[in-house]
PDB file of N, CA and C in Angstrom:
ATOM      1  N   MET A   1     145.155  94.265  96.548  1.00  0.00           N
ATOM      2  CA  MET A   1     144.530  94.187  97.840  1.00  0.00           C
ATOM      3  C   MET A   1     144.308  95.609  98.372  1.00  0.00           C
ATOM      4  N   MET A   2     143.129  95.814  98.975  1.00  0.00           N
ATOM      5  CA  MET A   2     142.801  97.150  99.452  1.00  0.00           C
ATOM      6  C   MET A   2     143.372  97.358 100.852  1.00  0.00           C
ATOM      7  N   SER A   3     143.778  98.574 101.103  1.00  0.00           N
ATOM      8  CA  SER A   3     144.263  98.907 102.441  1.00  0.00           C
ATOM      9  C   SER A   3     143.072  99.071 103.382  1.00  0.00           C
ATOM     10  N   LYS A   4     143.349  99.108 104.654  1.00  0.00           N
ATOM     11  CA  LYS A   4     142.286  99.286 105.654  1.00  0.00           C
ATOM     12  C   LYS A   4     141.539 100.597 105.425  1.00  0.00           C
ATOM     13  N   PHE A   5     142.278 101.625 105.027  1.00  0.00           N
ATOM     14  CA  PHE A   5     141.652 102.916 104.749  1.00  0.00           C
ATOM     15  C   PHE A   5     140.669 102.798 103.592  1.00  0.00           C
ATOM     16  N   GLN A   6     141.076 102.128 102.517  1.00  0.00           N
ATOM     17  CA  GLN A   6     140.210 101.969 101.350  1.00  0.00           C
ATOM     18  C   GLN A   6     139.000 101.103 101.681  1.00  0.00           C
ATOM     19  N   GLU A   7     139.196 100.061 102.486  1.00  0.00           N
ATOM     20  CA  GLU A   7     138.076  99.208 102.893  1.00  0.00           C
ATOM     21  C   GLU A   7     137.072 100.010 103.721  1.00  0.00           C
ATOM     22  N   GLY A   8     137.583 100.824 104.638  1.00  0.00           N
ATOM     23  CA  GLY A   8     136.707 101.664 105.458  1.00  0.00           C
ATOM     24  C   GLY A   8     135.964 102.680 104.621  1.00  0.00           C
ATOM     25  N   LEU A   9     136.668 103.272 103.671  1.00  0.00           N
ATOM     26  CA  LEU A   9     136.050 104.249 102.780  1.00  0.00           C
ATOM     27  C   LEU A   9     134.942 103.605 101.952  1.00  0.00           C
ATOM     28  N   GLN A  10     135.196 102.402 101.439  1.00  0.00           N
ATOM     29  CA  GLN A  10     134.194 101.682 100.649  1.00  0.00           C
ATOM     30  C   GLN A  10     132.976 101.342 101.512  1.00  0.00           C
ATOM     31  N   ALA A  11     133.211 100.934 102.742  1.00  0.00           N
ATOM     32  CA  ALA A  11     132.100 100.614 103.649  1.00  0.00           C
ATOM     33  C   ALA A  11     131.261 101.856 103.924  1.00  0.00           C
ATOM     34  N   GLN A  12     131.902 102.998 104.113  1.00  0.00           N
ATOM     35  CA  GLN A  12     131.172 104.250 104.355  1.00  0.00           C
ATOM     36  C   GLN A  12     130.367 104.669 103.133  1.00  0.00           C
ATOM     37  N   ARG A  13     130.920 104.467 101.950  1.00  0.00           N
ATOM     38  CA  ARG A  13     130.174 104.785 100.718  1.00  0.00           C
ATOM     39  C   ARG A  13     128.932 103.904 100.597  1.00  0.00           C
ATOM     40  N   GLN A  14     129.066 102.637 100.927  1.00  0.00           N
ATOM     41  CA  GLN A  14     127.911 101.736 100.862  1.00  0.00           C
ATOM     42  C   GLN A  14     126.858 102.159 101.878  1.00  0.00           C
ATOM     43  N   LEU A  15     127.301 102.549 103.064  1.00  0.00           N
ATOM     44  CA  LEU A  15     126.371 103.003 104.094  1.00  0.00           C
ATOM     45  C   LEU A  15     125.626 104.259 103.635  1.00  0.00           C
ATOM     46  N   VAL A  16     126.346 105.208 103.073  1.00  0.00           N
ATOM     47  CA  VAL A  16     125.723 106.444 102.585  1.00  0.00           C
ATOM     48  C   VAL A  16     124.708 106.127 101.489  1.00  0.00           C
ATOM     49  N   GLU A  17     125.051 105.224 100.590  1.00  0.00           N
ATOM     50  CA  GLU A  17     124.128 104.842  99.509  1.00  0.00           C
ATOM     51  C   GLU A  17     122.870 104.194 100.091  1.00  0.00           C
ATOM     52  N   GLN A  18     123.033 103.313 101.070  1.00  0.00           N
ATOM     53  CA  GLN A  18     121.879 102.675 101.710  1.00  0.00           C
ATOM     54  C   GLN A  18     121.006 103.706 102.404  1.00  0.00           C
ATOM     55  N   LEU A  19     121.603 104.650 103.078  1.00  0.00           N
ATOM     56  CA  LEU A  19     120.838 105.708 103.747  1.00  0.00           C
ATOM     57  C   LEU A  19     120.078 106.572 102.741  1.00  0.00           C
ATOM     58  N   ARG A  20     120.678 106.825 101.588  1.00  0.00           N
ATOM     59  CA  ARG A  20     119.983 107.593 100.533  1.00  0.00           C
ATOM     60  C   ARG A  20     118.756 106.825 100.033  1.00  0.00           C
ATOM     61  N   VAL A  21     118.918 105.522  99.847  1.00  0.00           N
ATOM     62  CA  VAL A  21     117.792 104.696  99.396  1.00  0.00           C
ATOM     63  C   VAL A  21     116.676 104.737 100.434  1.00  0.00           C
ATOM     64  N   GLU A  22     117.035 104.550 101.698  1.00  0.00           N
ATOM     65  CA  GLU A  22     116.031 104.545 102.763  1.00  0.00           C
ATOM     66  C   GLU A  22     115.366 105.910 102.919  1.00  0.00           C
ATOM     67  N   ALA A  23     116.107 106.976 102.722  1.00  0.00           N
ATOM     68  CA  ALA A  23     115.532 108.324 102.838  1.00  0.00           C
ATOM     69  C   ALA A  23     114.516 108.589 101.732  1.00  0.00           C
ATOM     70  N   GLY A  24     114.665 107.908 100.600  1.00  0.00           N
ATOM     71  CA  GLY A  24     113.753 108.115  99.479  1.00  0.00           C
ATOM     72  C   GLY A  24     112.479 107.295  99.546  1.00  0.00           C
ATOM     73  N   ILE A  25     112.362 106.424 100.540  1.00  0.00           N
ATOM     74  CA  ILE A  25     111.176 105.584 100.667  1.00  0.00           C
ATOM     75  C   ILE A  25     110.001 106.411 101.173  1.00  0.00           C
ATOM     76  N   HIS A  26     108.849 106.254 100.519  1.00  0.00           N
ATOM     77  CA  HIS A  26     107.637 106.958 100.946  1.00  0.00           C
ATOM     78  C   HIS A  26     107.150 106.359 102.256  1.00  0.00           C
ATOM     79  N   ARG A  27     106.883 107.190 103.224  1.00  0.00           N
ATOM     80  CA  ARG A  27     106.396 106.735 104.520  1.00  0.00           C
ATOM     81  C   ARG A  27     105.010 107.323 104.769  1.00  0.00           C
ATOM     82  N   MET A  28     104.222 106.536 105.476  1.00  0.00           N
ATOM     83  CA  MET A  28     102.874 106.984 105.826  1.00  0.00           C
ATOM     84  C   MET A  28     102.793 107.137 107.340  1.00  0.00           C
ATOM     85  N   THR A  29     101.895 107.981 107.778  1.00  0.00           N
ATOM     86  CA  THR A  29     101.666 108.085 109.214  1.00  0.00           C
ATOM     87  C   THR A  29     100.897 106.844 109.668  1.00  0.00           C
ATOM     88  N   VAL A  30     100.972 106.553 110.939  1.00  0.00           N
ATOM     89  CA  VAL A  30     100.271 105.396 111.485  1.00  0.00           C
ATOM     90  C   VAL A  30      98.763 105.544 111.272  1.00  0.00           C
ATOM     91  N   SER A  31      98.247 106.725 111.457  1.00  0.00           N
ATOM     92  CA  SER A  31      96.802 106.927 111.304  1.00  0.00           C
ATOM     93  C   SER A  31      96.358 106.664 109.865  1.00  0.00           C
ATOM     94  N   GLU A  32      97.175 107.043 108.891  1.00  0.00           N
ATOM     95  CA  GLU A  32      96.848 106.751 107.486  1.00  0.00           C
ATOM     96  C   GLU A  32      96.885 105.247 107.232  1.00  0.00           C
ATOM     97  N   SER A  33      97.890 104.591 107.771  1.00  0.00           N
ATOM     98  CA  SER A  33      98.027 103.147 107.581  1.00  0.00           C
ATOM     99  C   SER A  33      96.852 102.397 108.196  1.00  0.00           C
ATOM    100  N   VAL A  34      96.486 102.780 109.411  1.00  0.00           N
ATOM    101  CA  VAL A  34      95.370 102.121 110.091  1.00  0.00           C
ATOM    102  C   VAL A  34      94.074 102.347 109.321  1.00  0.00           C
ATOM    103  N   ALA A  35      93.869 103.546 108.819  1.00  0.00           N
ATOM    104  CA  ALA A  35      92.656 103.829 108.046  1.00  0.00           C
ATOM    105  C   ALA A  35      92.596 102.953 106.790  1.00  0.00           C
ATOM    106  N   GLU A  36      93.726 102.771 106.123  1.00  0.00           N
ATOM    107  CA  GLU A  36      93.758 101.917 104.931  1.00  0.00           C
ATOM    108  C   GLU A  36      93.511 100.460 105.278  1.00  0.00           C
ATOM    109  N   ILE A  37      94.078 100.001 106.379  1.00  0.00           N
ATOM    110  CA  ILE A  37      93.858  98.619 106.804  1.00  0.00           C
ATOM    111  C   ILE A  37      92.384  98.392 107.126  1.00  0.00           C
ATOM    112  N   MET A  38      91.779  99.337 107.843  1.00  0.00           N
ATOM    113  CA  MET A  38      90.358  99.198 108.188  1.00  0.00           C
ATOM    114  C   MET A  38      89.493  99.197 106.934  1.00  0.00           C
ATOM    115  N   LYS A  39      89.810 100.052 105.986  1.00  0.00           N
ATOM    116  CA  LYS A  39      89.058 100.103 104.728  1.00  0.00           C
ATOM    117  C   LYS A  39      89.177  98.771 103.981  1.00  0.00           C
ATOM    118  N   TYR A  40      90.373  98.228 103.925  1.00  0.00           N
ATOM    119  CA  TYR A  40      90.598  96.948 103.251  1.00  0.00           C
ATOM    120  C   TYR A  40      89.812  95.834 103.942  1.00  0.00           C
ATOM    121  N   MET A  41      89.842  95.823 105.268  1.00  0.00           N
ATOM    122  CA  MET A  41      89.129  94.781 106.006  1.00  0.00           C
ATOM    123  C   MET A  41      87.626  94.870 105.778  1.00  0.00           C
ATOM    124  N   GLN A  42      87.096  96.077 105.756  1.00  0.00           N
ATOM    125  CA  GLN A  42      85.665  96.248 105.531  1.00  0.00           C
ATOM    126  C   GLN A  42      85.278  95.815 104.122  1.00  0.00           C
ATOM    127  N   GLN A  43      86.131  96.089 103.138  1.00  0.00           N
ATOM    128  CA  GLN A  43      85.842  95.705 101.761  1.00  0.00           C
ATOM    129  C   GLN A  43      85.891  94.194 101.567  1.00  0.00           C
ATOM    130  N   HIS A  44      86.721  93.502 102.340  1.00  0.00           N
ATOM    131  CA  HIS A  44      86.908  92.064 102.160  1.00  0.00           C
ATOM    132  C   HIS A  44      86.311  91.234 103.299  1.00  0.00           C
ATOM    133  N   ALA A  45      85.462  91.850 104.107  1.00  0.00           N
ATOM    134  CA  ALA A  45      84.902  91.176 105.278  1.00  0.00           C
ATOM    135  C   ALA A  45      84.054  89.961 104.892  1.00  0.00           C
ATOM    136  N   ASP A  46      83.375  90.018 103.764  1.00  0.00           N
ATOM    137  CA  ASP A  46      82.512  88.904 103.367  1.00  0.00           C
ATOM    138  C   ASP A  46      83.287  87.622 103.104  1.00  0.00           C
ATOM    139  N   ASN A  47      84.555  87.744 102.734  1.00  0.00           N
ATOM    140  CA  ASN A  47      85.372  86.571 102.431  1.00  0.00           C
ATOM    141  C   ASN A  47      86.274  86.169 103.582  1.00  0.00           C
ATOM    142  N   ASP A  48      86.158  86.853 104.721  1.00  0.00           N
ATOM    143  CA  ASP A  48      87.059  86.611 105.842  1.00  0.00           C
ATOM    144  C   ASP A  48      86.342  85.813 106.926  1.00  0.00           C
ATOM    145  N   VAL A  49      86.720  84.541 107.046  1.00  0.00           N
ATOM    146  CA  VAL A  49      86.052  83.687 108.030  1.00  0.00           C
ATOM    147  C   VAL A  49      86.398  84.085 109.464  1.00  0.00           C
ATOM    148  N   LEU A  50      87.490  84.795 109.672  1.00  0.00           N
ATOM    149  CA  LEU A  50      87.808  85.244 111.020  1.00  0.00           C
ATOM    150  C   LEU A  50      86.840  86.331 111.477  1.00  0.00           C
ATOM    151  N   MET A  51      86.291  87.082 110.535  1.00  0.00           N
ATOM    152  CA  MET A  51      85.346  88.135 110.886  1.00  0.00           C
ATOM    153  C   MET A  51      83.901  87.641 110.867  1.00  0.00           C
ATOM    154  N   LYS A  52      83.564  86.810 109.903  1.00  0.00           N
ATOM    155  CA  LYS A  52      82.178  86.380 109.722  1.00  0.00           C
ATOM    156  C   LYS A  52      81.902  84.978 110.243  1.00  0.00           C
ATOM    157  N   GLY A  53      82.933  84.170 110.404  1.00  0.00           N
ATOM    158  CA  GLY A  53      82.726  82.784 110.792  1.00  0.00           C
ATOM    159  C   GLY A  53      82.440  81.940 109.548  1.00  0.00           C
ATOM    160  N   PHE A  54      82.310  80.663 109.761  1.00  0.00           N
ATOM    161  CA  PHE A  54      82.050  79.747 108.649  1.00  0.00           C
ATOM    162  C   PHE A  54      80.553  79.644 108.400  1.00  0.00           C
ATOM    163  N   ALA A  55      80.175  79.557 107.128  1.00  0.00           N
ATOM    164  CA  ALA A  55      78.762  79.426 106.779  1.00  0.00           C
ATOM    165  C   ALA A  55      78.203  78.137 107.368  1.00  0.00           C
ATOM    166  N   LYS A  56      78.962  77.074 107.239  1.00  0.00           N
ATOM    167  CA  LYS A  56      78.582  75.785 107.827  1.00  0.00           C
ATOM    168  C   LYS A  56      79.742  75.316 108.698  1.00  0.00           C
ATOM    169  N   GLN A  57      79.428  74.715 109.817  1.00  0.00           N
ATOM    170  CA  GLN A  57      80.482  74.242 110.715  1.00  0.00           C
ATOM    171  C   GLN A  57      81.341  73.174 110.037  1.00  0.00           C
ATOM    172  N   SER A  58      80.778  72.453 109.072  1.00  0.00           N
ATOM    173  CA  SER A  58      81.552  71.425 108.373  1.00  0.00           C
ATOM    174  C   SER A  58      82.635  72.033 107.483  1.00  0.00           C
ATOM    175  N   ASP A  59      82.530  73.318 107.178  1.00  0.00           N
ATOM    176  CA  ASP A  59      83.560  73.999 106.382  1.00  0.00           C
ATOM    177  C   ASP A  59      84.787  74.362 107.212  1.00  0.00           C
ATOM    178  N   ASN A  60      84.682  74.278 108.523  1.00  0.00           N
ATOM    179  CA  ASN A  60      85.759  74.672 109.426  1.00  0.00           C
ATOM    180  C   ASN A  60      86.824  73.570 109.488  1.00  0.00           C
ATOM    181  N   PRO A  61      88.015  73.815 108.919  1.00  0.00           N
ATOM    182  CA  PRO A  61      89.053  72.784 108.952  1.00  0.00           C
ATOM    183  C   PRO A  61      89.686  72.631 110.338  1.00  0.00           C
ATOM    184  N   PHE A  62      89.372  73.524 111.266  1.00  0.00           N
ATOM    185  CA  PHE A  62      89.991  73.493 112.587  1.00  0.00           C
ATOM    186  C   PHE A  62      89.073  72.915 113.657  1.00  0.00           C
ATOM    187  N   LYS A  63      87.873  72.487 113.280  1.00  0.00           N
ATOM    188  CA  LYS A  63      86.964  71.946 114.292  1.00  0.00           C
ATOM    189  C   LYS A  63      87.525  70.636 114.832  1.00  0.00           C
ATOM    190  N   GLU A  64      87.130  70.346 116.062  1.00  0.00           N
ATOM    191  CA  GLU A  64      87.593  69.110 116.675  1.00  0.00           C
ATOM    192  C   GLU A  64      87.005  67.919 115.944  1.00  0.00           C
ATOM    193  N   LYS A  65      87.842  66.926 115.721  1.00  0.00           N
ATOM    194  CA  LYS A  65      87.408  65.759 114.946  1.00  0.00           C
ATOM    195  C   LYS A  65      86.573  64.804 115.797  1.00  0.00           C
ATOM    196  N   GLY A  66      86.817  64.756 117.044  1.00  0.00           N
ATOM    197  CA  GLY A  66      86.057  63.847 117.904  1.00  0.00           C
ATOM    198  C   GLY A  66      85.931  64.412 119.302  1.00  0.00           C
ATOM    199  N   GLY A  67      85.226  63.712 120.125  1.00  0.00           N
ATOM    200  CA  GLY A  67      85.039  64.183 121.487  1.00  0.00           C
ATOM    201  C   GLY A  67      86.139  63.688 122.399  1.00  0.00           C
ATOM    202  N   CYS A  68      85.995  63.990 123.664  1.00  0.00           N
ATOM    203  CA  CYS A  68      86.955  63.570 124.671  1.00  0.00           C
ATOM    204  C   CYS A  68      86.714  62.106 125.022  1.00  0.00           C
ATOM    205  N   LEU A  69      87.760  61.445 125.374  1.00  0.00           N
ATOM    206  CA  LEU A  69      87.662  60.060 125.796  1.00  0.00           C
ATOM    207  C   LEU A  69      88.454  59.913 127.088  1.00  0.00           C
ATOM    208  N   ILE A  70      87.786  59.480 128.129  1.00  0.00           N
ATOM    209  CA  ILE A  70      88.454  59.301 129.416  1.00  0.00           C
ATOM    210  C   ILE A  70      88.625  57.810 129.623  1.00  0.00           C
ATOM    211  N   LEU A  71      89.826  57.408 129.887  1.00  0.00           N
ATOM    212  CA  LEU A  71      90.111  55.979 130.110  1.00  0.00           C
ATOM    213  C   LEU A  71      90.118  55.631 131.559  1.00  0.00           C
TER     214      LEU A  71
END
């Protein structure tokens, strides 16, 4: 069984290892990320119904199925 000191030491080693992993992750600036997202959206705009809409209204799975009915 480990003593409290050994448990604390092990926890600190795990924390240091996690911090090393996180420090090694490549990070991008927000402006770079936004530019890449915009480029991706422009390249795939033809297939995106949120940007272009549906070619035919019957292709829209979210259209209302019927009209209003007042009783």
